[in-house]
Each structure stands twice: as C-alpha cells, then as structure tokens.
Amino acid sequence: MANTASAKKAARQSEKVRAHNASLRSKLRSAIKRVQAAIKGGDKAAANGVLRDAGKVIDTIADKKIVHKNKAARHKSRLNSAVKAMA
C-alpha cells in the first residue's frame, strides 16, 4: 500500500491508465473478431469493409503503444491474407 501522498496519487493514475489501456486492447480484439466473423460469413465485400475499419483501429492502438507495431502489422497481414484467400 502506498504510504506517501505522491505514491497514492501515482497509484490512482496508474490504475486509471491501466483501465484505459485495457479498454483499447478490448477494442483491438473486437475489431479482429469482427473481421474473422465476416470471413466466416463468406461475403468478401463485407469482409473488405470490416478489414478497412479494423486496420484503422489496429494502427491507432499501435501508435499509442498499447501493442507493439510489429504485432499490429502481423495482425493486419494475417487478416488481409485471409480476406484475399476468400473465394
């Protein structure tokens, strides 16, 4: 437990930041799942639209350093490949 006033404030701030980062990670995962669901649905046009939106979300979260830029690039690449592979 924090003893000094500054340590208590730092604990409050870090909890606030942790909650915000968790919500952004959740947003990332949801965007990825939406693309995967569209791919399973079989509609390539819809999958492309969802992929475009997901790409923006993924890039935004990588820019904020919530996830590493290489991880973001890997997700985008794999989703893009999966959409292109659709019949």
PDB file of N, CA and C in Angstrom:
ATOM      1  N   MET A   1       0.846  -1.183   0.000  1.00  0.00           N
ATOM      2  CA  MET A   1       0.000   0.000   0.000  1.00  0.00           C
ATOM      3  C   MET A   1       0.888   1.242   0.000  1.00  0.00           C
ATOM      4  N   ALA A   2       0.455   2.248  -0.759  1.00  0.00           N
ATOM      5  CA  ALA A   2       1.220   3.487  -0.864  1.00  0.00           C
ATOM      6  C   ALA A   2       1.198   4.251   0.463  1.00  0.00           C
ATOM      7  N   ASN A   3       2.364   4.772   0.842  1.00  0.00           N
ATOM      8  CA  ASN A   3       2.473   5.499   2.116  1.00  0.00           C
ATOM      9  C   ASN A   3       2.433   7.007   1.950  1.00  0.00           C
ATOM     10  N   THR A   4       3.070   7.524   0.909  1.00  0.00           N
ATOM     11  CA  THR A   4       3.136   8.974   0.745  1.00  0.00           C
ATOM     12  C   THR A   4       2.014   9.455  -0.171  1.00  0.00           C
ATOM     13  N   ALA A   5       1.766  10.741  -0.110  1.00  0.00           N
ATOM     14  CA  ALA A   5       0.713  11.324  -0.945  1.00  0.00           C
ATOM     15  C   ALA A   5       1.026  11.145  -2.425  1.00  0.00           C
ATOM     16  N   SER A   6       2.300  11.329  -2.775  1.00  0.00           N
ATOM     17  CA  SER A   6       2.669  11.196  -4.190  1.00  0.00           C
ATOM     18  C   SER A   6       2.538   9.748  -4.664  1.00  0.00           C
ATOM     19  N   ALA A   7       2.838   8.795  -3.784  1.00  0.00           N
ATOM     20  CA  ALA A   7       2.696   7.388  -4.142  1.00  0.00           C
ATOM     21  C   ALA A   7       1.225   7.013  -4.300  1.00  0.00           C
ATOM     22  N   LYS A   8       0.373   7.606  -3.446  1.00  0.00           N
ATOM     23  CA  LYS A   8      -1.066   7.351  -3.568  1.00  0.00           C
ATOM     24  C   LYS A   8      -1.602   7.906  -4.881  1.00  0.00           C
ATOM     25  N   LYS A   9      -1.143   9.089  -5.234  1.00  0.00           N
ATOM     26  CA  LYS A   9      -1.579   9.695  -6.496  1.00  0.00           C
ATOM     27  C   LYS A   9      -1.082   8.865  -7.675  1.00  0.00           C
ATOM     28  N   ALA A  10       0.155   8.417  -7.624  1.00  0.00           N
ATOM     29  CA  ALA A  10       0.709   7.601  -8.699  1.00  0.00           C
ATOM     30  C   ALA A  10      -0.082   6.308  -8.855  1.00  0.00           C
ATOM     31  N   ALA A  11      -0.506   5.725  -7.731  1.00  0.00           N
ATOM     32  CA  ALA A  11      -1.305   4.501  -7.776  1.00  0.00           C
ATOM     33  C   ALA A  11      -2.657   4.756  -8.431  1.00  0.00           C
ATOM     34  N   ARG A  12      -3.262   5.888  -8.103  1.00  0.00           N
ATOM     35  CA  ARG A  12      -4.551   6.253  -8.725  1.00  0.00           C
ATOM     36  C   ARG A  12      -4.379   6.442 -10.232  1.00  0.00           C
ATOM     37  N   GLN A  13      -3.330   7.151 -10.609  1.00  0.00           N
ATOM     38  CA  GLN A  13      -3.104   7.432 -12.018  1.00  0.00           C
ATOM     39  C   GLN A  13      -2.813   6.163 -12.804  1.00  0.00           C
ATOM     40  N   SER A  14      -1.989   5.290 -12.231  1.00  0.00           N
ATOM     41  CA  SER A  14      -1.644   4.072 -12.954  1.00  0.00           C
ATOM     42  C   SER A  14      -2.854   3.165 -13.114  1.00  0.00           C
ATOM     43  N   GLU A  15      -3.745   3.161 -12.140  1.00  0.00           N
ATOM     44  CA  GLU A  15      -4.977   2.367 -12.259  1.00  0.00           C
ATOM     45  C   GLU A  15      -5.873   2.922 -13.367  1.00  0.00           C
ATOM     46  N   LYS A  16      -5.942   4.238 -13.450  1.00  0.00           N
ATOM     47  CA  LYS A  16      -6.743   4.885 -14.488  1.00  0.00           C
ATOM     48  C   LYS A  16      -6.185   4.555 -15.879  1.00  0.00           C
ATOM     49  N   VAL A  17      -4.869   4.642 -16.014  1.00  0.00           N
ATOM     50  CA  VAL A  17      -4.208   4.337 -17.284  1.00  0.00           C
ATOM     51  C   VAL A  17      -4.386   2.865 -17.635  1.00  0.00           C
ATOM     52  N   ARG A  18      -4.263   1.985 -16.632  1.00  0.00           N
ATOM     53  CA  ARG A  18      -4.424   0.551 -16.874  1.00  0.00           C
ATOM     54  C   ARG A  18      -5.821   0.244 -17.407  1.00  0.00           C
ATOM     55  N   ALA A  19      -6.834   0.865 -16.817  1.00  0.00           N
ATOM     56  CA  ALA A  19      -8.210   0.641 -17.260  1.00  0.00           C
ATOM     57  C   ALA A  19      -8.412   1.154 -18.688  1.00  0.00           C
ATOM     58  N   HIS A  20      -7.830   2.298 -19.000  1.00  0.00           N
ATOM     59  CA  HIS A  20      -7.949   2.858 -20.351  1.00  0.00           C
ATOM     60  C   HIS A  20      -7.266   1.958 -21.370  1.00  0.00           C
ATOM     61  N   ASN A  21      -6.059   1.496 -21.046  1.00  0.00           N
ATOM     62  CA  ASN A  21      -5.334   0.610 -21.948  1.00  0.00           C
ATOM     63  C   ASN A  21      -6.080  -0.705 -22.143  1.00  0.00           C
ATOM     64  N   ALA A  22      -6.706  -1.206 -21.080  1.00  0.00           N
ATOM     65  CA  ALA A  22      -7.474  -2.450 -21.187  1.00  0.00           C
ATOM     66  C   ALA A  22      -8.647  -2.269 -22.137  1.00  0.00           C
ATOM     67  N   SER A  23      -9.298  -1.116 -22.093  1.00  0.00           N
ATOM     68  CA  SER A  23     -10.422  -0.879 -22.993  1.00  0.00           C
ATOM     69  C   SER A  23      -9.946  -0.788 -24.444  1.00  0.00           C
ATOM     70  N   LEU A  24      -8.778  -0.210 -24.658  1.00  0.00           N
ATOM     71  CA  LEU A  24      -8.234  -0.135 -26.012  1.00  0.00           C
ATOM     72  C   LEU A  24      -7.844  -1.520 -26.534  1.00  0.00           C
ATOM     73  N   ARG A  25      -7.260  -2.352 -25.665  1.00  0.00           N
ATOM     74  CA  ARG A  25      -6.927  -3.726 -26.077  1.00  0.00           C
ATOM     75  C   ARG A  25      -8.190  -4.498 -26.420  1.00  0.00           C
ATOM     76  N   SER A  26      -9.256  -4.269 -25.668  1.00  0.00           N
ATOM     77  CA  SER A  26     -10.535  -4.916 -25.934  1.00  0.00           C
ATOM     78  C   SER A  26     -11.080  -4.475 -27.291  1.00  0.00           C
ATOM     79  N   LYS A  27     -10.938  -3.192 -27.581  1.00  0.00           N
ATOM     80  CA  LYS A  27     -11.375  -2.653 -28.869  1.00  0.00           C
ATOM     81  C   LYS A  27     -10.608  -3.323 -30.010  1.00  0.00           C
ATOM     82  N   LEU A  28      -9.307  -3.532 -29.811  1.00  0.00           N
ATOM     83  CA  LEU A  28      -8.463  -4.210 -30.807  1.00  0.00           C
ATOM     84  C   LEU A  28      -8.957  -5.629 -31.049  1.00  0.00           C
ATOM     85  N   ARG A  29      -9.169  -6.365 -29.972  1.00  0.00           N
ATOM     86  CA  ARG A  29      -9.607  -7.749 -30.104  1.00  0.00           C
ATOM     87  C   ARG A  29     -10.972  -7.846 -30.774  1.00  0.00           C
ATOM     88  N   SER A  30     -11.851  -6.914 -30.441  1.00  0.00           N
ATOM     89  CA  SER A  30     -13.183  -6.906 -31.047  1.00  0.00           C
ATOM     90  C   SER A  30     -13.102  -6.651 -32.550  1.00  0.00           C
ATOM     91  N   ALA A  31     -12.231  -5.736 -32.947  1.00  0.00           N
ATOM     92  CA  ALA A  31     -12.067  -5.427 -34.369  1.00  0.00           C
ATOM     93  C   ALA A  31     -11.568  -6.654 -35.128  1.00  0.00           C
ATOM     94  N   ILE A  32     -10.616  -7.373 -34.526  1.00  0.00           N
ATOM     95  CA  ILE A  32     -10.079  -8.578 -35.161  1.00  0.00           C
ATOM     96  C   ILE A  32     -11.171  -9.641 -35.283  1.00  0.00           C
ATOM     97  N   LYS A  33     -11.963  -9.798 -34.225  1.00  0.00           N
ATOM     98  CA  LYS A  33     -13.036 -10.797 -34.248  1.00  0.00           C
ATOM     99  C   LYS A  33     -14.108 -10.457 -35.274  1.00  0.00           C
ATOM    100  N   ARG A  34     -14.371  -9.164 -35.473  1.00  0.00           N
ATOM    101  CA  ARG A  34     -15.360  -8.761 -36.480  1.00  0.00           C
ATOM    102  C   ARG A  34     -14.899  -9.171 -37.878  1.00  0.00           C
ATOM    103  N   VAL A  35     -13.611  -8.988 -38.165  1.00  0.00           N
ATOM    104  CA  VAL A  35     -13.080  -9.384 -39.471  1.00  0.00           C
ATOM    105  C   VAL A  35     -13.166 -10.899 -39.624  1.00  0.00           C
ATOM    106  N   GLN A  36     -12.780 -11.638 -38.585  1.00  0.00           N
ATOM    107  CA  GLN A  36     -12.832 -13.097 -38.660  1.00  0.00           C
ATOM    108  C   GLN A  36     -14.260 -13.592 -38.859  1.00  0.00           C
ATOM    109  N   ALA A  37     -15.219 -12.943 -38.234  1.00  0.00           N
ATOM    110  CA  ALA A  37     -16.625 -13.320 -38.403  1.00  0.00           C
ATOM    111  C   ALA A  37     -17.085 -13.035 -39.828  1.00  0.00           C
ATOM    112  N   ALA A  38     -16.646 -11.907 -40.387  1.00  0.00           N
ATOM    113  CA  ALA A  38     -17.014 -11.578 -41.768  1.00  0.00           C
ATOM    114  C   ALA A  38     -16.404 -12.574 -42.742  1.00  0.00           C
ATOM    115  N   ILE A  39     -15.193 -13.034 -42.452  1.00  0.00           N
ATOM    116  CA  ILE A  39     -14.540 -14.033 -43.307  1.00  0.00           C
ATOM    117  C   ILE A  39     -15.325 -15.343 -43.254  1.00  0.00           C
ATOM    118  N   LYS A  40     -15.726 -15.744 -42.045  1.00  0.00           N
ATOM    119  CA  LYS A  40     -16.526 -16.967 -41.911  1.00  0.00           C
ATOM    120  C   LYS A  40     -17.878 -16.829 -42.594  1.00  0.00           C
ATOM    121  N   GLY A  41     -18.419 -15.600 -42.629  1.00  0.00           N
ATOM    122  CA  GLY A  41     -19.699 -15.356 -43.282  1.00  0.00           C
ATOM    123  C   GLY A  41     -19.635 -15.569 -44.782  1.00  0.00           C
ATOM    124  N   GLY A  42     -18.467 -15.394 -45.364  1.00  0.00           N
ATOM    125  CA  GLY A  42     -18.281 -15.688 -46.779  1.00  0.00           C
ATOM    126  C   GLY A  42     -18.494 -14.514 -47.723  1.00  0.00           C
ATOM    127  N   ASP A  43     -18.852 -13.349 -47.235  1.00  0.00           N
ATOM    128  CA  ASP A  43     -19.074 -12.188 -48.090  1.00  0.00           C
ATOM    129  C   ASP A  43     -17.785 -11.380 -48.176  1.00  0.00           C
ATOM    130  N   LYS A  44     -17.124 -11.466 -49.339  1.00  0.00           N
ATOM    131  CA  LYS A  44     -15.818 -10.837 -49.472  1.00  0.00           C
ATOM    132  C   LYS A  44     -15.905  -9.313 -49.419  1.00  0.00           C
ATOM    133  N   ALA A  45     -16.955  -8.731 -49.993  1.00  0.00           N
ATOM    134  CA  ALA A  45     -17.103  -7.275 -49.975  1.00  0.00           C
ATOM    135  C   ALA A  45     -17.281  -6.769 -48.538  1.00  0.00           C
ATOM    136  N   ALA A  46     -18.100  -7.462 -47.769  1.00  0.00           N
ATOM    137  CA  ALA A  46     -18.306  -7.069 -46.372  1.00  0.00           C
ATOM    138  C   ALA A  46     -17.017  -7.246 -45.576  1.00  0.00           C
ATOM    139  N   ALA A  47     -16.303  -8.324 -45.850  1.00  0.00           N
ATOM    140  CA  ALA A  47     -15.044  -8.583 -45.149  1.00  0.00           C
ATOM    141  C   ALA A  47     -14.029  -7.486 -45.448  1.00  0.00           C
ATOM    142  N   ASN A  48     -13.988  -7.023 -46.697  1.00  0.00           N
ATOM    143  CA  ASN A  48     -13.067  -5.938 -47.059  1.00  0.00           C
ATOM    144  C   ASN A  48     -13.411  -4.655 -46.317  1.00  0.00           C
ATOM    145  N   GLY A  49     -14.693  -4.361 -46.201  1.00  0.00           N
ATOM    146  CA  GLY A  49     -15.114  -3.158 -45.481  1.00  0.00           C
ATOM    147  C   GLY A  49     -14.747  -3.211 -44.019  1.00  0.00           C
ATOM    148  N   VAL A  50     -14.996  -4.360 -43.401  1.00  0.00           N
ATOM    149  CA  VAL A  50     -14.670  -4.529 -41.980  1.00  0.00           C
ATOM    150  C   VAL A  50     -13.152  -4.513 -41.785  1.00  0.00           C
ATOM    151  N   LEU A  51     -12.426  -5.084 -42.738  1.00  0.00           N
ATOM    152  CA  LEU A  51     -10.960  -5.107 -42.661  1.00  0.00           C
ATOM    153  C   LEU A  51     -10.399  -3.684 -42.687  1.00  0.00           C
ATOM    154  N   ARG A  52     -10.973  -2.826 -43.521  1.00  0.00           N
ATOM    155  CA  ARG A  52     -10.511  -1.435 -43.606  1.00  0.00           C
ATOM    156  C   ARG A  52     -10.702  -0.730 -42.257  1.00  0.00           C
ATOM    157  N   ASP A  53     -11.874  -0.938 -41.656  1.00  0.00           N
ATOM    158  CA  ASP A  53     -12.140  -0.323 -40.349  1.00  0.00           C
ATOM    159  C   ASP A  53     -11.207  -0.884 -39.273  1.00  0.00           C
ATOM    160  N   ALA A  54     -10.998  -2.201 -39.314  1.00  0.00           N
ATOM    161  CA  ALA A  54     -10.131  -2.843 -38.327  1.00  0.00           C
ATOM    162  C   ALA A  54      -8.691  -2.359 -38.474  1.00  0.00           C
ATOM    163  N   GLY A  55      -8.252  -2.137 -39.698  1.00  0.00           N
ATOM    164  CA  GLY A  55      -6.899  -1.647 -39.930  1.00  0.00           C
ATOM    165  C   GLY A  55      -6.663  -0.307 -39.263  1.00  0.00           C
ATOM    166  N   LYS A  56      -7.670   0.555 -39.315  1.00  0.00           N
ATOM    167  CA  LYS A  56      -7.557   1.865 -38.660  1.00  0.00           C
ATOM    168  C   LYS A  56      -7.447   1.706 -37.151  1.00  0.00           C
ATOM    169  N   VAL A  57      -8.268   0.822 -36.603  1.00  0.00           N
ATOM    170  CA  VAL A  57      -8.240   0.589 -35.147  1.00  0.00           C
ATOM    171  C   VAL A  57      -6.888   0.021 -34.736  1.00  0.00           C
ATOM    172  N   ILE A  58      -6.405  -0.964 -35.481  1.00  0.00           N
ATOM    173  CA  ILE A  58      -5.131  -1.611 -35.165  1.00  0.00           C
ATOM    174  C   ILE A  58      -3.994  -0.595 -35.209  1.00  0.00           C
ATOM    175  N   ASP A  59      -3.968   0.239 -36.253  1.00  0.00           N
ATOM    176  CA  ASP A  59      -2.906   1.250 -36.372  1.00  0.00           C
ATOM    177  C   ASP A  59      -2.967   2.264 -35.240  1.00  0.00           C
ATOM    178  N   THR A  60      -4.168   2.692 -34.894  1.00  0.00           N
ATOM    179  CA  THR A  60      -4.325   3.677 -33.822  1.00  0.00           C
ATOM    180  C   THR A  60      -3.785   3.138 -32.501  1.00  0.00           C
ATOM    181  N   ILE A  61      -4.116   1.888 -32.213  1.00  0.00           N
ATOM    182  CA  ILE A  61      -3.684   1.302 -30.949  1.00  0.00           C
ATOM    183  C   ILE A  61      -2.175   1.051 -30.942  1.00  0.00           C
ATOM    184  N   ALA A  62      -1.615   0.730 -32.107  1.00  0.00           N
ATOM    185  CA  ALA A  62      -0.165   0.568 -32.196  1.00  0.00           C
ATOM    186  C   ALA A  62       0.537   1.916 -32.030  1.00  0.00           C
ATOM    187  N   ASP A  63      -0.055   2.980 -32.585  1.00  0.00           N
ATOM    188  CA  ASP A  63       0.540   4.313 -32.445  1.00  0.00           C
ATOM    189  C   ASP A  63       0.580   4.751 -30.988  1.00  0.00           C
ATOM    190  N   LYS A  64      -0.404   4.321 -30.213  1.00  0.00           N
ATOM    191  CA  LYS A  64      -0.454   4.669 -28.793  1.00  0.00           C
ATOM    192  C   LYS A  64       0.398   3.726 -27.949  1.00  0.00           C
ATOM    193  N   LYS A  65       1.069   2.789 -28.614  1.00  0.00           N
ATOM    194  CA  LYS A  65       1.979   1.820 -27.981  1.00  0.00           C
ATOM    195  C   LYS A  65       1.274   0.929 -26.967  1.00  0.00           C
ATOM    196  N   ILE A  66       0.001   0.625 -27.235  1.00  0.00           N
ATOM    197  CA  ILE A  66      -0.732  -0.329 -26.412  1.00  0.00           C
ATOM    198  C   ILE A  66      -0.278  -1.737 -26.806  1.00  0.00           C
ATOM    199  N   VAL A  67      -0.076  -1.943 -28.109  1.00  0.00           N
ATOM    200  CA  VAL A  67       0.552  -3.169 -28.610  1.00  0.00           C
ATOM    201  C   VAL A  67       1.740  -2.747 -29.469  1.00  0.00           C
ATOM    202  N   HIS A  68       2.685  -3.637 -29.631  1.00  0.00           N
ATOM    203  CA  HIS A  68       3.876  -3.343 -30.413  1.00  0.00           C
ATOM    204  C   HIS A  68       3.510  -3.205 -31.888  1.00  0.00           C
ATOM    205  N   LYS A  69       4.237  -2.354 -32.599  1.00  0.00           N
ATOM    206  CA  LYS A  69       3.929  -2.107 -34.005  1.00  0.00           C
ATOM    207  C   LYS A  69       4.071  -3.378 -34.842  1.00  0.00           C
ATOM    208  N   ASN A  70       4.992  -4.254 -34.479  1.00  0.00           N
ATOM    209  CA  ASN A  70       5.150  -5.500 -35.234  1.00  0.00           C
ATOM    210  C   ASN A  70       3.963  -6.435 -35.022  1.00  0.00           C
ATOM    211  N   LYS A  71       3.419  -6.440 -33.824  1.00  0.00           N
ATOM    212  CA  LYS A  71       2.239  -7.257 -33.553  1.00  0.00           C
ATOM    213  C   LYS A  71       1.053  -6.733 -34.356  1.00  0.00           C
ATOM    214  N   ALA A  72       0.920  -5.420 -34.404  1.00  0.00           N
ATOM    215  CA  ALA A  72      -0.157  -4.813 -35.180  1.00  0.00           C
ATOM    216  C   ALA A  72      -0.008  -5.163 -36.658  1.00  0.00           C
ATOM    217  N   ALA A  73       1.205  -5.069 -37.167  1.00  0.00           N
ATOM    218  CA  ALA A  73       1.457  -5.386 -38.571  1.00  0.00           C
ATOM    219  C   ALA A  73       1.165  -6.857 -38.852  1.00  0.00           C
ATOM    220  N   ARG A  74       1.514  -7.718 -37.911  1.00  0.00           N
ATOM    221  CA  ARG A  74       1.258  -9.156 -38.078  1.00  0.00           C
ATOM    222  C   ARG A  74      -0.238  -9.440 -38.146  1.00  0.00           C
ATOM    223  N   HIS A  75      -1.014  -8.812 -37.262  1.00  0.00           N
ATOM    224  CA  HIS A  75      -2.465  -8.999 -37.287  1.00  0.00           C
ATOM    225  C   HIS A  75      -3.050  -8.514 -38.607  1.00  0.00           C
ATOM    226  N   LYS A  76      -2.638  -7.332 -39.037  1.00  0.00           N
ATOM    227  CA  LYS A  76      -3.165  -6.784 -40.284  1.00  0.00           C
ATOM    228  C   LYS A  76      -2.812  -7.683 -41.462  1.00  0.00           C
ATOM    229  N   SER A  77      -1.590  -8.173 -41.486  1.00  0.00           N
ATOM    230  CA  SER A  77      -1.140  -9.026 -42.578  1.00  0.00           C
ATOM    231  C   SER A  77      -1.934 -10.327 -42.640  1.00  0.00           C
ATOM    232  N   ARG A  78      -2.125 -10.948 -41.494  1.00  0.00           N
ATOM    233  CA  ARG A  78      -2.848 -12.221 -41.466  1.00  0.00           C
ATOM    234  C   ARG A  78      -4.312 -12.047 -41.836  1.00  0.00           C
ATOM    235  N   LEU A  79      -4.923 -10.967 -41.354  1.00  0.00           N
ATOM    236  CA  LEU A  79      -6.328 -10.716 -41.712  1.00  0.00           C
ATOM    237  C   LEU A  79      -6.452 -10.411 -43.196  1.00  0.00           C
ATOM    238  N   ASN A  80      -5.534  -9.621 -43.713  1.00  0.00           N
ATOM    239  CA  ASN A  80      -5.554  -9.282 -45.141  1.00  0.00           C
ATOM    240  C   ASN A  80      -5.387 -10.529 -46.010  1.00  0.00           C
ATOM    241  N   SER A  81      -4.475 -11.395 -45.615  1.00  0.00           N
ATOM    242  CA  SER A  81      -4.247 -12.651 -46.358  1.00  0.00           C
ATOM    243  C   SER A  81      -5.495 -13.521 -46.331  1.00  0.00           C
ATOM    244  N   ALA A  82      -6.157 -13.566 -45.186  1.00  0.00           N
ATOM    245  CA  ALA A  82      -7.358 -14.398 -45.059  1.00  0.00           C
ATOM    246  C   ALA A  82      -8.481 -13.854 -45.937  1.00  0.00           C
ATOM    247  N   VAL A  83      -8.604 -12.531 -46.017  1.00  0.00           N
ATOM    248  CA  VAL A  83      -9.652 -11.944 -46.862  1.00  0.00           C
ATOM    249  C   VAL A  83      -9.329 -12.195 -48.337  1.00  0.00           C
ATOM    250  N   LYS A  84      -8.080 -12.051 -48.707  1.00  0.00           N
ATOM    251  CA  LYS A  84      -7.686 -12.281 -50.109  1.00  0.00           C
ATOM    252  C   LYS A  84      -7.877 -13.735 -50.516  1.00  0.00           C
ATOM    253  N   ALA A  85      -7.751 -14.655 -49.570  1.00  0.00           N
ATOM    254  CA  ALA A  85      -7.871 -16.082 -49.865  1.00  0.00           C
ATOM    255  C   ALA A  85      -9.327 -16.519 -50.032  1.00  0.00           C
ATOM    256  N   MET A  86     -10.263 -15.618 -49.710  1.00  0.00           N
ATOM    257  CA  MET A  86     -11.684 -15.977 -49.843  1.00  0.00           C
ATOM    258  C   MET A  86     -12.018 -16.208 -51.318  1.00  0.00           C
ATOM    259  N   ALA A  87     -12.920 -17.155 -51.557  1.00  0.00           N
ATOM    260  CA  ALA A  87     -13.290 -17.498 -52.940  1.00  0.00           C
ATOM    261  C   ALA A  87     -14.169 -16.428 -53.562  1.00  0.00           C
TER     262      ALA A  87
END
